[in-house]
Protein backbone atom coordinates (compact mmCIF):
# COMPACT_ATOMS: atom_id res chain seq x y z
CA MET A 1 -43.85 -9.32 32.47
CA LYS A 2 -46.99 -7.12 32.28
CA GLU A 3 -48.26 -6.57 28.75
CA GLU A 4 -47.99 -3.00 27.52
CA LEU A 5 -51.35 -1.21 27.27
CA ILE A 6 -52.58 -0.13 23.85
CA LYS A 7 -53.22 3.61 23.60
CA ILE A 8 -56.54 4.92 22.24
CA LEU A 9 -57.48 8.59 21.88
CA LEU A 10 -61.14 9.40 22.64
CA VAL A 11 -62.42 12.78 21.35
CA ASP A 12 -65.94 14.05 22.15
CA ASP A 13 -67.28 17.36 23.48
CA ASN A 14 -69.60 15.43 25.79
CA GLU A 15 -67.74 13.95 28.75
CA ASN A 16 -70.54 11.42 29.31
CA ASN A 17 -69.89 10.00 25.87
CA LEU A 18 -66.17 9.75 26.71
CA LEU A 19 -67.02 7.90 29.92
CA SER A 20 -69.39 5.57 28.08
CA MET A 21 -66.72 4.56 25.53
CA GLU A 22 -64.20 4.04 28.30
CA VAL A 23 -66.62 1.80 30.25
CA VAL A 24 -67.49 -0.31 27.20
CA LEU A 25 -63.89 -0.95 26.24
CA ASP A 26 -61.49 -3.10 28.28
CA LYS A 27 -59.57 -0.90 30.74
CA ASP A 28 -57.07 -3.67 31.42
CA LYS A 29 -56.09 -3.77 27.77
CA TYR A 30 -56.23 -0.12 26.75
CA ALA A 31 -54.77 3.15 27.95
CA PHE A 32 -57.26 5.95 27.25
CA TYR A 33 -56.39 9.54 26.40
CA LYS A 34 -59.46 11.85 26.41
CA ALA A 35 -60.11 15.20 24.75
CA THR A 36 -63.28 17.31 24.72
CA SER A 37 -62.36 19.33 21.62
CA GLY A 38 -60.40 19.12 18.41
CA ARG A 39 -57.80 21.56 19.72
CA GLU A 40 -57.25 19.52 22.86
CA ALA A 41 -56.88 16.37 20.74
CA LEU A 42 -54.22 18.10 18.64
CA ARG A 43 -52.34 19.17 21.79
CA ILE A 44 -52.31 15.55 23.00
CA LEU A 45 -51.05 14.37 19.60
CA LEU A 46 -48.15 16.83 19.79
CA LYS A 47 -46.84 14.89 22.82
CA GLU A 48 -48.01 11.35 22.07
CA GLU A 49 -47.87 9.72 18.65
CA ASP A 50 -48.07 5.94 19.04
CA PHE A 51 -51.85 5.57 19.23
CA CYS A 52 -53.55 2.42 18.03
CA LEU A 53 -56.82 4.22 17.17
CA ILE A 54 -58.66 7.55 17.39
CA LEU A 55 -62.40 7.55 18.15
CA LEU A 56 -63.46 11.02 16.96
CA ASP A 57 -66.85 12.69 17.36
CA VAL A 58 -68.04 14.42 14.21
CA LYS A 59 -70.28 17.11 15.71
CA MET A 60 -68.18 19.37 17.93
CA PRO A 61 -68.24 23.18 18.40
CA ILE A 62 -65.56 25.46 16.92
CA MET A 63 -63.74 22.60 15.13
CA ASP A 64 -65.72 19.57 13.99
CA GLY A 65 -64.39 16.06 13.55
CA TYR A 66 -63.70 16.44 9.83
CA GLU A 67 -61.52 19.53 10.34
CA THR A 68 -59.74 17.86 13.25
CA ALA A 69 -59.02 14.75 11.13
CA GLU A 70 -57.63 16.88 8.29
CA LEU A 71 -55.29 18.70 10.69
CA ILE A 72 -54.19 15.42 12.30
CA TYR A 73 -53.28 13.90 8.95
CA GLN A 74 -51.24 16.92 7.95
CA ARG A 75 -48.47 15.46 10.11
CA ASP A 76 -46.66 12.55 8.45
CA LYS A 77 -46.09 10.73 11.74
CA LEU A 78 -49.84 10.66 12.49
CA ARG A 79 -51.13 9.46 9.13
CA GLN A 80 -50.80 5.79 10.08
CA ILE A 81 -53.29 6.18 13.00
CA PRO A 82 -56.76 5.00 11.90
CA ILE A 83 -59.74 7.25 12.75
CA ILE A 84 -63.29 6.01 13.42
CA PHE A 85 -65.88 8.77 13.34
CA ILE A 86 -68.60 8.73 15.99
CA THR A 87 -71.76 10.41 14.65
CA ALA A 88 -75.33 10.91 15.88
CA HIS A 89 -76.55 11.66 12.34
CA ASP A 90 -77.79 9.30 9.68
CA TYR A 91 -75.28 7.93 7.23
CA GLU A 92 -76.02 10.31 4.44
CA GLU A 93 -73.96 9.68 1.34
CA ALA A 94 -72.44 13.18 1.33
CA ALA A 95 -71.46 12.94 5.00
CA VAL A 96 -69.91 9.52 4.53
CA PHE A 97 -67.94 10.73 1.52
CA LYS A 98 -66.73 13.78 3.45
CA GLY A 99 -65.62 11.55 6.33
CA TYR A 100 -63.67 9.18 4.16
CA GLU A 101 -62.17 12.11 2.30
CA ALA A 102 -60.98 13.48 5.65
CA GLY A 103 -59.29 10.17 6.37
CA ALA A 104 -61.80 8.06 8.27
CA VAL A 105 -61.57 4.28 8.10
CA ASP A 106 -65.07 3.64 9.53
CA PHE A 107 -68.18 5.17 11.12
CA ILE A 108 -70.04 4.28 14.34
CA ARG A 109 -73.45 5.70 14.96
CA LYS A 110 -74.68 7.10 18.30
CA PRO A 111 -75.97 5.70 20.46
CA PHE A 112 -73.36 3.04 19.71
CA ASN A 113 -73.77 -0.65 20.13
CA PRO A 114 -71.22 -1.77 22.78
CA GLU A 115 -70.50 -5.07 21.05
CA MET A 116 -70.03 -3.38 17.71
CA LEU A 117 -67.69 -0.78 19.27
CA ARG A 118 -65.65 -3.48 20.99
CA SER A 119 -65.54 -5.55 17.82
CA LYS A 120 -64.38 -2.73 15.58
CA VAL A 121 -61.80 -1.50 18.10
CA ALA A 122 -60.54 -5.11 18.45
CA VAL A 123 -60.02 -5.35 14.69
CA PHE A 124 -57.83 -2.24 14.60
CA THR A 125 -56.08 -3.28 17.81
CA ASP A 126 -55.17 -6.63 16.29
CA LEU A 127 -53.97 -4.91 13.13
CA TYR A 128 -51.92 -2.46 15.23
CA GLN A 129 -50.29 -5.28 17.19
CA LYS A 130 -49.44 -7.21 14.04
CA ASN A 131 -47.97 -4.11 12.42
CA ARG A 132 -45.92 -3.41 15.53
CA LEU A 133 -44.70 -7.02 15.58
CA LEU A 134 -43.85 -6.78 11.91
CA LYS A 135 -41.93 -3.56 12.58
CA LYS A 136 -39.96 -5.26 15.35
CA GLN A 137 -39.15 -8.14 13.03
CA GLU A 138 -38.01 -5.68 10.40
CA GLU A 139 -35.80 -3.97 12.97
CA LYS A 140 -34.33 -7.34 13.96
CA LEU A 141 -33.71 -8.20 10.31
CA GLN A 142 -32.11 -4.82 9.79
CA ALA A 143 -29.91 -5.37 12.84
CA ILE A 144 -28.92 -8.81 11.52
CA ASN A 145 -28.21 -7.32 8.11
CA ASP A 146 -26.11 -4.55 9.72
CA ASP A 147 -24.19 -7.21 11.64
CA LEU A 148 -23.61 -9.17 8.43
CA VAL A 149 -22.44 -6.02 6.64
CA GLN A 150 -20.06 -5.26 9.50
CA LEU A 151 -18.86 -8.86 9.56
CA ASN A 152 -18.26 -8.74 5.82
CA GLN A 153 -16.36 -5.46 6.17
CA ASP A 154 -14.25 -6.93 8.98
CA LEU A 155 -13.56 -10.00 6.86
CA GLU A 156 -12.59 -7.86 3.88
CA GLN A 157 -10.31 -5.82 6.14
CA ARG A 158 -8.64 -8.96 7.51
CA VAL A 159 -8.21 -10.32 3.98
CA LEU A 160 -6.72 -6.99 2.90
CA GLU A 161 -4.35 -6.93 5.88
CA ARG A 162 -3.32 -10.53 5.20
CA THR A 163 -2.78 -9.72 1.53
CA ILE A 164 -0.58 -6.76 2.47
CA GLU A 165 1.37 -8.99 4.87
CA LEU A 166 1.92 -11.56 2.13
CA GLU A 167 2.96 -8.84 -0.33
CA ASN A 168 5.42 -7.42 2.20
CA LEU A 169 6.78 -10.91 2.83
CA ASN A 170 7.12 -11.43 -0.91
CA HIS A 171 9.00 -8.13 -1.21
CA GLU A 172 11.31 -9.19 1.63
CA LEU A 173 11.97 -12.54 -0.04
CA LYS A 174 12.73 -10.78 -3.32
CA ALA A 175 15.06 -8.40 -1.49
CA LEU A 176 16.84 -11.32 0.19
CA ASN A 177 17.18 -13.09 -3.15
CA LEU A 178 18.56 -9.92 -4.72
CA SER A 179 21.00 -9.53 -1.82
CA LYS A 180 22.15 -13.11 -2.38
CA ASP A 181 22.67 -12.43 -6.10
CA LYS A 182 24.61 -9.27 -5.29
CA PHE A 183 26.78 -11.11 -2.80
CA LEU A 184 27.55 -13.88 -5.29
CA SER A 185 28.30 -11.34 -7.99
CA VAL A 186 30.62 -9.40 -5.69
CA ILE A 187 32.46 -12.62 -4.82
CA SER A 188 32.65 -13.56 -8.50
CA HIS A 189 34.10 -10.26 -9.67
CA ASP A 190 36.09 -9.12 -6.64
CA LEU A 191 37.84 -12.41 -5.95
CA ARG A 192 38.07 -14.10 -9.33
CA ASN A 193 40.59 -11.65 -10.79
CA PRO A 194 43.12 -11.66 -7.91
CA LEU A 195 42.76 -15.45 -7.64
CA THR A 196 43.49 -15.71 -11.37
CA ALA A 197 46.65 -13.69 -10.86
CA LEU A 198 47.55 -15.84 -7.86
CA LEU A 199 47.08 -19.06 -9.84
CA ALA A 200 49.06 -17.74 -12.81
CA SER A 201 52.02 -16.73 -10.63
CA SER A 202 52.00 -19.99 -8.70
CA GLU A 203 51.84 -22.01 -11.95
CA ASN A 204 54.79 -20.11 -13.41
CA LEU A 205 56.76 -20.64 -10.23
CA SER A 206 55.87 -24.32 -10.03
CA ARG A 207 56.57 -24.99 -13.69
CA SER A 208 59.82 -23.12 -14.13
CA ALA A 209 61.32 -22.63 -10.67
CA GLU A 210 64.50 -24.58 -11.49
CA LYS A 211 65.16 -22.32 -14.48
CA MET A 212 64.47 -19.05 -12.74
CA LEU A 213 66.95 -16.66 -11.24
CA PRO A 214 66.58 -15.82 -7.53
CA ASP A 215 65.23 -12.35 -8.39
CA GLN A 216 62.52 -13.89 -10.58
CA ILE A 217 61.55 -16.35 -7.86
CA ARG A 218 61.34 -13.52 -5.33
CA MET A 219 59.20 -11.50 -7.78
CA PHE A 220 56.63 -14.31 -8.21
CA ALA A 221 56.73 -15.08 -4.48
CA GLY A 222 56.08 -11.41 -3.76
CA ILE A 223 53.12 -11.38 -6.18
CA ILE A 224 51.70 -14.49 -4.53
CA ASN A 225 52.17 -13.04 -1.04
CA ARG A 226 50.64 -9.63 -1.85
CA THR A 227 47.77 -11.09 -3.80
CA SER A 228 47.00 -13.66 -1.08
CA ASN A 229 46.85 -10.93 1.55
CA LYS A 230 44.58 -8.82 -0.63
CA VAL A 231 42.29 -11.80 -1.28
CA LEU A 232 42.12 -12.48 2.46
CA SER A 233 41.37 -8.83 3.17
CA GLN A 234 38.64 -8.71 0.53
CA LEU A 235 37.15 -11.95 1.81
CA ASN A 236 36.93 -10.51 5.32
CA GLU A 237 35.26 -7.40 3.93
CA LEU A 238 32.77 -9.52 2.00
CA VAL A 239 31.87 -11.45 5.15
CA GLU A 240 31.17 -8.15 6.94
CA TRP A 241 29.22 -6.89 3.94
CA ALA A 242 27.05 -10.03 3.92
CA LYS A 243 26.38 -9.51 7.63
CA ASP A 244 25.38 -5.90 6.97
CA GLN A 245 23.04 -7.12 4.23
CA ARG A 246 21.17 -9.30 6.71
CA GLU A 247 21.01 -6.44 9.20
CA LYS A 248 19.92 -4.01 6.45
CA THR A 249 22.93 -1.74 7.11
CA LYS A 250 24.73 -2.58 3.87
CA PHE A 251 25.20 1.05 2.75
CA LYS A 252 28.03 2.69 4.72
CA PRO A 253 29.36 5.76 2.90
CA GLU A 254 32.52 7.42 4.14
CA LYS A 255 35.12 9.91 3.00
CA LEU A 256 37.40 8.19 0.47
CA HIS A 257 40.56 9.33 -1.30
CA LEU A 258 39.67 8.54 -4.89
CA TRP A 259 43.24 8.14 -6.21
CA ASN A 260 44.05 5.55 -3.50
CA CYS A 261 40.82 3.62 -4.17
CA VAL A 262 41.52 3.49 -7.90
CA ASN A 263 45.13 2.49 -7.31
CA GLU A 264 44.17 -0.37 -4.97
CA SER A 265 41.68 -1.72 -7.50
CA LEU A 266 44.18 -1.47 -10.37
CA ASP A 267 46.87 -3.24 -8.30
CA LEU A 268 44.58 -6.24 -7.91
CA LEU A 269 44.12 -6.38 -11.68
CA ARG A 270 47.63 -5.63 -12.94
CA GLU A 271 48.59 -9.30 -13.20
CA ASN A 272 45.49 -10.02 -15.33
CA ALA A 273 46.30 -7.00 -17.50
CA SER A 274 49.97 -8.00 -17.87
CA GLN A 275 48.96 -11.41 -19.23
CA LYS A 276 47.36 -9.57 -22.19
CA GLU A 277 50.08 -6.92 -22.19
CA VAL A 278 47.47 -4.28 -21.37
CA THR A 279 48.59 -1.10 -19.60
CA LEU A 280 46.59 0.24 -16.62
CA GLU A 281 46.86 3.99 -15.91
CA ASN A 282 45.63 5.88 -12.84
CA ASN A 283 45.27 9.49 -14.00
CA VAL A 284 42.98 10.63 -11.18
CA GLU A 285 43.93 13.93 -9.52
CA GLU A 286 45.14 13.27 -5.98
CA GLU A 287 43.11 16.07 -4.35
CA LEU A 288 39.75 14.49 -5.18
CA TYR A 289 37.70 12.93 -2.37
CA ILE A 290 34.32 11.25 -2.64
CA HIS A 291 31.63 10.20 -0.15
CA ALA A 292 30.96 6.54 -0.92
CA ASP A 293 30.78 2.97 0.36
CA ALA A 294 34.29 1.56 -0.01
CA LEU A 295 33.27 -1.98 -0.97
CA MET A 296 30.65 -0.80 -3.47
CA LEU A 297 33.14 1.61 -5.08
CA ARG A 298 35.74 -1.16 -5.36
CA SER A 299 33.19 -3.47 -7.00
CA VAL A 300 32.26 -0.75 -9.49
CA LEU A 301 35.89 -0.04 -10.39
CA GLN A 302 36.94 -3.69 -10.63
CA ASN A 303 33.89 -4.66 -12.71
CA LEU A 304 34.43 -1.89 -15.22
CA VAL A 305 38.23 -2.31 -15.42
CA THR A 306 37.89 -6.12 -15.71
CA ASN A 307 35.48 -5.68 -18.64
CA ALA A 308 37.89 -3.20 -20.21
CA ILE A 309 40.77 -5.71 -19.91
CA LYS A 310 38.60 -8.47 -21.39
CA PHE A 311 37.77 -6.43 -24.49
CA SER A 312 41.14 -4.68 -24.97
CA PRO A 313 43.51 -5.80 -27.76
CA ALA A 314 46.40 -7.99 -26.58
CA GLY A 315 49.78 -6.31 -26.82
CA ASP A 316 48.82 -2.65 -27.20
CA GLY A 317 45.77 -2.18 -24.98
CA VAL A 318 45.61 0.87 -22.71
CA ILE A 319 43.05 1.44 -19.95
CA ALA A 320 43.03 4.87 -18.30
CA VAL A 321 41.05 5.99 -15.24
CA THR A 322 40.39 9.72 -14.97
CA ALA A 323 38.07 11.88 -12.86
CA VAL A 324 36.72 15.44 -12.94
CA SER A 325 34.71 17.49 -10.47
CA LEU A 326 31.13 18.32 -11.55
CA GLY A 327 29.43 20.47 -8.91
CA ASP A 328 28.53 18.26 -5.96
CA MET A 329 29.57 15.12 -7.83
CA VAL A 330 32.76 13.60 -9.20
CA GLU A 331 32.62 11.94 -12.62
CA VAL A 332 34.94 8.96 -13.06
CA CYS A 333 35.83 7.76 -16.56
CA ILE A 334 37.25 4.32 -17.37
CA GLU A 335 38.40 4.38 -20.99
CA ASP A 336 39.88 1.63 -23.17
CA ASN A 337 40.91 1.23 -26.80
CA GLY A 338 39.23 -2.15 -27.19
CA VAL A 339 36.60 -3.67 -29.48
CA GLY A 340 33.90 -1.13 -28.59
CA MET A 341 30.11 -1.59 -28.69
CA SER A 342 27.34 -1.11 -31.20
CA GLN A 343 24.49 1.31 -30.56
CA GLN A 344 22.15 -1.62 -29.79
CA THR A 345 24.54 -3.01 -27.19
CA ARG A 346 24.95 0.44 -25.60
CA GLU A 347 21.17 0.75 -25.28
CA MET A 348 21.00 -2.69 -23.66
CA VAL A 349 23.79 -1.82 -21.23
CA LEU A 350 22.01 1.36 -20.08
CA GLY A 351 18.52 -0.20 -20.09
CA ASP A 352 16.81 -2.48 -17.59
CA MET A 353 17.94 -5.73 -19.15
CA SER A 354 18.36 -8.69 -16.83
CA ALA A 355 21.46 -10.89 -16.90
CA SER A 356 22.02 -11.48 -20.61
CA SER A 357 24.74 -10.96 -23.20
CA LEU A 358 25.47 -7.27 -22.86
CA LEU A 359 29.07 -6.88 -23.90
CA GLY A 360 31.37 -7.81 -26.68
CA THR A 361 31.21 -10.02 -29.72
CA GLY A 362 32.71 -13.33 -30.67
CA LYS A 363 34.73 -15.08 -27.97
CA GLU A 364 34.78 -12.07 -25.66
CA LYS A 365 31.20 -12.05 -24.40
CA GLY A 366 29.98 -11.41 -20.84
CA THR A 367 26.85 -12.22 -18.85
CA GLY A 368 26.08 -8.63 -17.84
CA LEU A 369 25.50 -9.53 -14.17
CA GLY A 370 28.46 -7.37 -13.11
CA LEU A 371 27.09 -4.34 -14.96
CA LEU A 372 23.70 -4.76 -13.31
CA LEU A 373 25.46 -4.70 -9.96
CA VAL A 374 27.48 -1.65 -11.02
CA LYS A 375 24.33 0.29 -11.94
CA ASP A 376 22.68 -0.70 -8.65
CA PHE A 377 25.65 0.41 -6.54
CA ILE A 378 25.95 3.73 -8.40
CA ALA A 379 22.21 4.37 -8.07
CA THR A 380 22.49 3.69 -4.32
CA HIS A 381 24.88 6.65 -4.13
CA GLY A 382 22.52 8.87 -6.14
CA GLY A 383 24.87 8.77 -9.10
CA THR A 384 24.45 8.05 -12.80
CA ILE A 385 26.29 5.93 -15.36
CA ASN A 386 26.68 6.46 -19.10
CA VAL A 387 28.73 4.86 -21.84
CA ASP A 388 30.44 6.27 -24.94
CA SER A 389 31.58 3.66 -27.42
CA GLU A 390 32.17 2.91 -31.07
CA LEU A 391 32.92 -0.43 -32.68
CA GLY A 392 36.65 -0.90 -33.15
CA LYS A 393 37.56 2.32 -31.33
CA GLY A 394 37.09 1.53 -27.66
CA THR A 395 34.70 2.35 -24.84
CA CYS A 396 34.44 4.91 -22.03
CA PHE A 397 32.22 4.24 -19.01
CA ARG A 398 31.37 7.42 -17.05
CA PHE A 399 29.80 7.28 -13.61
CA THR A 400 29.29 9.86 -10.86
CA MET A 401 29.74 9.68 -7.08
CA PRO A 402 29.05 12.34 -4.41
CA LYS A 403 31.97 14.66 -3.77
CA ASN A 404 33.45 15.01 -0.28
CA SER A 405 35.87 17.91 0.23
CA THR A 406 38.53 17.91 2.94
CA ALA A 407 36.41 20.43 4.88
CA LEU A 408 33.57 17.95 5.34
CA ALA A 409 33.46 15.68 8.35
CA VAL A 410 34.15 12.01 7.77
CA VAL A 411 30.99 9.87 8.13
């Protein structure tokens, strides 16, 4: 590859002097640009900037070398080009000072010594080449640094993306764990009570069948049959619900007749209530419809009624379910005349407490897992839950569900 020629600007009003400098210097190494006046030199410098050196005659008409040098160095891009003044005059101190003040780096006297001219030009040429090499190295280092910066940014981006992936995975795992807890809680509360009734009826029948009248035997057999069918039906629903949980389609609201839903839930719990001689009352108006997930609503009702049975006095307990329309919502109230709750317990029930002792005192004490599930299911519907209670005077849980009038389409 042919080496690039080094550019030198020669400025002298005498063309013979320009030719002499060109002959003395190595044509194979340098590319010469020639000007016979300061103005012409300035015009050349407007187009070309990367000169290694300027050899500038001091004595020129109109614009001398000093003025030309001052104008050249007014441009920032040209200040790095060294200027050697060519002068036919003696090196008077004032002239030398003026030249250096104008920006000269050296002086050469006419008639110039060829060896001296070549030597001085070679010095600045070598310096120019080293500076250019240094600049290229700096550019390479800058390019490497830019690559490292980009690489670091890419690495940070990949780390961030991986962190987000891990966080999303962690959220999914937490959601799956929560779904598992919900499923277990639903099984615990929705199936335990009818199974308890089933076991109690079967034990009575097994223990005292020979002493019972046919009507009594048929009564217990009927309870066992109805309860078994309801348990089987609920179990099938739970299996479908678990499947929906995996497929993330667990929330399926539809138009529900509230009185029927309450009645079905109370029927499953009547045997448990009868063992404590607690009365269950469905006082919901029959024209009320809500827009809710049937399984979630049943879990809410059975959880709250089961707790009410647990904390109602044996023999004279009464649990009443009522409902009123409140704008776009229906408020359901489950009220008992049981042991009631203190203010601290009410605050814990309505707070964000995890599974802990939330209800009751003494022997009648629950884990609170069912109430956490109740609050979650109600919140899923956009509803709210509140509790009114006083120790020794009973408790009323109030929760809201979206209303669905008969004019609305069934979802």
